[in-house]
Amino acid sequence: MNMTKRPVPIYDFKAFGAAIKAARNEYGESRKTVSDALYISPRYLANIENKGQQPSLQVFYDLVTRYHISVDQFFFPNDNAEKSTQRRQLDTLLDSMSDKGLRIVAATAKEITEVEKGND
């Protein structure tokens, strides 16, 4: 029996690497800080960020959870991601707020939706 492999396109991790680099910079973390925390080499992290090197599943998991990144945007780019990375990061910020802060954010969000609807 001929066991030829079916042709499967190789997943391109460049967009993932760019998102990790952007998130790391947004968090103000150096490549060394992150690589030390994840027990990987700074070069490995640089290759993931800049060259789209495929990370191990564990490193992939560690990076997306560290920066609250939605993987839906990479695996299902044509779908409306259930929760975008921005929404996940906003959720994290909201979780750390007091009730007073949440009331301010809710009032601000309500005002923004009214303005965007054109109902000033």
C-alpha atoms as a PDB file:
ATOM      1  CA  MET A   1       0.000   0.000   0.000  1.00  0.00           C
ATOM      2  CA  ASN A   2       1.388   3.405  -0.982  1.00  0.00           C
ATOM      3  CA  MET A   3       1.479   5.698   2.050  1.00  0.00           C
ATOM      4  CA  THR A   4       2.140   9.026   0.354  1.00  0.00           C
ATOM      5  CA  LYS A   5       1.450  11.991   2.514  1.00  0.00           C
ATOM      6  CA  ARG A   6      -1.450  14.158   1.570  1.00  0.00           C
ATOM      7  CA  PRO A   7      -0.313  17.670   0.706  1.00  0.00           C
ATOM      8  CA  VAL A   8      -1.039  19.953   3.621  1.00  0.00           C
ATOM      9  CA  PRO A   9      -0.133  23.619   3.489  1.00  0.00           C
ATOM     10  CA  ILE A  10       2.394  24.568   6.156  1.00  0.00           C
ATOM     11  CA  TYR A  11       0.942  27.091   8.598  1.00  0.00           C
ATOM     12  CA  ASP A  12       2.724  30.454   8.459  1.00  0.00           C
ATOM     13  CA  PHE A  13       3.484  31.727  11.965  1.00  0.00           C
ATOM     14  CA  LYS A  14       4.650  35.193  10.818  1.00  0.00           C
ATOM     15  CA  ALA A  15       1.424  36.956  11.877  1.00  0.00           C
ATOM     16  CA  PHE A  16       1.584  35.198  15.246  1.00  0.00           C
ATOM     17  CA  GLY A  17       5.206  36.268  15.733  1.00  0.00           C
ATOM     18  CA  ALA A  18       4.364  39.875  14.877  1.00  0.00           C
ATOM     19  CA  ALA A  19       1.481  39.855  17.376  1.00  0.00           C
ATOM     20  CA  ILE A  20       3.734  38.452  20.107  1.00  0.00           C
ATOM     21  CA  LYS A  21       6.383  41.090  19.432  1.00  0.00           C
ATOM     22  CA  ALA A  22       3.787  43.890  19.487  1.00  0.00           C
ATOM     23  CA  ALA A  23       2.261  42.591  22.740  1.00  0.00           C
ATOM     24  CA  ARG A  24       5.659  42.161  24.387  1.00  0.00           C
ATOM     25  CA  ASN A  25       6.584  45.739  23.480  1.00  0.00           C
ATOM     26  CA  GLU A  26       3.192  47.013  24.656  1.00  0.00           C
ATOM     27  CA  TYR A  27       3.781  45.297  28.004  1.00  0.00           C
ATOM     28  CA  GLY A  28       7.241  46.885  28.116  1.00  0.00           C
ATOM     29  CA  GLU A  29       9.010  43.541  28.464  1.00  0.00           C
ATOM     30  CA  SER A  30      12.438  42.810  27.043  1.00  0.00           C
ATOM     31  CA  ARG A  31      13.038  39.676  25.012  1.00  0.00           C
ATOM     32  CA  LYS A  32      15.418  38.504  27.769  1.00  0.00           C
ATOM     33  CA  THR A  33      12.786  38.944  30.493  1.00  0.00           C
ATOM     34  CA  VAL A  34      10.262  36.861  28.555  1.00  0.00           C
ATOM     35  CA  SER A  35      12.706  34.186  27.451  1.00  0.00           C
ATOM     36  CA  ASP A  36      13.982  33.810  31.034  1.00  0.00           C
ATOM     37  CA  ALA A  37      10.416  33.495  32.329  1.00  0.00           C
ATOM     38  CA  LEU A  38       9.578  30.837  29.715  1.00  0.00           C
ATOM     39  CA  TYR A  39      12.925  29.003  29.973  1.00  0.00           C
ATOM     40  CA  ILE A  40      13.707  29.523  26.291  1.00  0.00           C
ATOM     41  CA  SER A  41      16.600  31.297  24.564  1.00  0.00           C
ATOM     42  CA  PRO A  42      16.224  34.931  23.484  1.00  0.00           C
ATOM     43  CA  ARG A  43      17.229  33.824  19.964  1.00  0.00           C
ATOM     44  CA  TYR A  44      14.338  31.318  19.847  1.00  0.00           C
ATOM     45  CA  LEU A  45      11.921  34.097  20.864  1.00  0.00           C
ATOM     46  CA  ALA A  46      13.488  36.468  18.286  1.00  0.00           C
ATOM     47  CA  ASN A  47      13.037  33.823  15.566  1.00  0.00           C
ATOM     48  CA  ILE A  48       9.377  33.351  16.550  1.00  0.00           C
ATOM     49  CA  GLU A  49       8.784  37.112  16.515  1.00  0.00           C
ATOM     50  CA  ASN A  50      10.772  38.076  13.425  1.00  0.00           C
ATOM     51  CA  LYS A  51      10.977  35.011  11.199  1.00  0.00           C
ATOM     52  CA  GLY A  52       7.713  33.257  11.990  1.00  0.00           C
ATOM     53  CA  GLN A  53       9.475  30.206  13.438  1.00  0.00           C
ATOM     54  CA  GLN A  54       6.944  27.649  14.636  1.00  0.00           C
ATOM     55  CA  PRO A  55       7.034  27.550  18.443  1.00  0.00           C
ATOM     56  CA  SER A  56       6.501  24.383  20.398  1.00  0.00           C
ATOM     57  CA  LEU A  57       2.919  23.931  21.580  1.00  0.00           C
ATOM     58  CA  GLN A  58       3.998  24.738  25.149  1.00  0.00           C
ATOM     59  CA  VAL A  59       5.752  27.967  24.143  1.00  0.00           C
ATOM     60  CA  PHE A  60       2.772  28.909  21.939  1.00  0.00           C
ATOM     61  CA  TYR A  61       0.461  28.387  24.939  1.00  0.00           C
ATOM     62  CA  ASP A  62       2.780  30.288  27.298  1.00  0.00           C
ATOM     63  CA  LEU A  63       2.954  33.283  24.953  1.00  0.00           C
ATOM     64  CA  VAL A  64      -0.770  33.562  24.184  1.00  0.00           C
ATOM     65  CA  THR A  65      -1.707  33.257  27.856  1.00  0.00           C
ATOM     66  CA  ARG A  66       1.018  35.685  28.979  1.00  0.00           C
ATOM     67  CA  TYR A  67      -0.301  38.379  26.635  1.00  0.00           C
ATOM     68  CA  HIS A  68      -4.007  37.421  26.552  1.00  0.00           C
ATOM     69  CA  ILE A  69      -3.906  36.904  22.791  1.00  0.00           C
ATOM     70  CA  SER A  70      -6.847  35.351  20.974  1.00  0.00           C
ATOM     71  CA  VAL A  71      -5.686  32.490  18.763  1.00  0.00           C
ATOM     72  CA  ASP A  72      -8.931  32.625  16.751  1.00  0.00           C
ATOM     73  CA  GLN A  73      -7.550  35.513  14.700  1.00  0.00           C
ATOM     74  CA  PHE A  74      -4.703  33.260  13.491  1.00  0.00           C
ATOM     75  CA  PHE A  75      -6.562  29.986  12.985  1.00  0.00           C
ATOM     76  CA  PHE A  76      -9.844  31.440  11.684  1.00  0.00           C
ATOM     77  CA  PRO A  77      -8.805  34.733  10.079  1.00  0.00           C
ATOM     78  CA  ASN A  78     -11.947  34.987   7.943  1.00  0.00           C
ATOM     79  CA  ASP A  79     -14.358  34.460  10.838  1.00  0.00           C
ATOM     80  CA  ASN A  80     -15.250  37.153  13.266  1.00  0.00           C
ATOM     81  CA  ALA A  81     -13.073  35.998  16.124  1.00  0.00           C
ATOM     82  CA  GLU A  82     -15.216  35.265  19.155  1.00  0.00           C
ATOM     83  CA  LYS A  83     -12.918  37.380  21.259  1.00  0.00           C
ATOM     84  CA  SER A  84     -10.251  39.462  19.608  1.00  0.00           C
ATOM     85  CA  THR A  85      -6.951  40.076  21.313  1.00  0.00           C
ATOM     86  CA  GLN A  86      -8.026  43.648  22.064  1.00  0.00           C
ATOM     87  CA  ARG A  87     -11.195  42.391  23.753  1.00  0.00           C
ATOM     88  CA  ARG A  88      -9.218  39.889  25.832  1.00  0.00           C
ATOM     89  CA  GLN A  89      -6.775  42.587  26.903  1.00  0.00           C
ATOM     90  CA  LEU A  90      -9.688  44.911  27.741  1.00  0.00           C
ATOM     91  CA  ASP A  91     -11.304  42.111  29.783  1.00  0.00           C
ATOM     92  CA  THR A  92      -8.077  41.770  31.763  1.00  0.00           C
ATOM     93  CA  LEU A  93      -8.028  45.512  32.462  1.00  0.00           C
ATOM     94  CA  LEU A  94     -11.704  45.482  33.465  1.00  0.00           C
ATOM     95  CA  ASP A  95     -11.095  42.587  35.854  1.00  0.00           C
ATOM     96  CA  SER A  96      -8.625  44.737  37.791  1.00  0.00           C
ATOM     97  CA  MET A  97     -10.951  47.743  38.151  1.00  0.00           C
ATOM     98  CA  SER A  98     -13.067  48.811  41.100  1.00  0.00           C
ATOM     99  CA  ASP A  99     -16.848  49.239  40.773  1.00  0.00           C
ATOM    100  CA  LYS A 100     -16.289  52.991  40.417  1.00  0.00           C
ATOM    101  CA  GLY A 101     -13.855  52.431  37.550  1.00  0.00           C
ATOM    102  CA  LEU A 102     -16.287  50.018  35.874  1.00  0.00           C
ATOM    103  CA  ARG A 103     -19.095  52.610  36.102  1.00  0.00           C
ATOM    104  CA  ILE A 104     -16.847  55.188  34.402  1.00  0.00           C
ATOM    105  CA  VAL A 105     -15.871  52.743  31.640  1.00  0.00           C
ATOM    106  CA  ALA A 106     -19.517  51.702  31.129  1.00  0.00           C
ATOM    107  CA  ALA A 107     -20.657  55.343  30.873  1.00  0.00           C
ATOM    108  CA  THR A 108     -17.828  56.085  28.437  1.00  0.00           C
ATOM    109  CA  ALA A 109     -18.668  53.024  26.311  1.00  0.00           C
ATOM    110  CA  LYS A 110     -22.360  53.997  26.248  1.00  0.00           C
ATOM    111  CA  GLU A 111     -21.453  57.525  25.114  1.00  0.00           C
ATOM    112  CA  ILE A 112     -19.177  56.142  22.374  1.00  0.00           C
ATOM    113  CA  THR A 113     -21.962  53.887  21.026  1.00  0.00           C
ATOM    114  CA  GLU A 114     -24.376  56.845  20.970  1.00  0.00           C
ATOM    115  CA  VAL A 115     -21.859  58.998  19.086  1.00  0.00           C
ATOM    116  CA  GLU A 116     -21.104  56.164  16.626  1.00  0.00           C
ATOM    117  CA  LYS A 117     -24.831  55.716  15.974  1.00  0.00           C
ATOM    118  CA  GLY A 118     -25.046  59.442  15.249  1.00  0.00           C
ATOM    119  CA  ASN A 119     -27.495  60.124  18.082  1.00  0.00           C
ATOM    120  CA  ASP A 120     -25.574  62.850  19.849  1.00  0.00           C
END
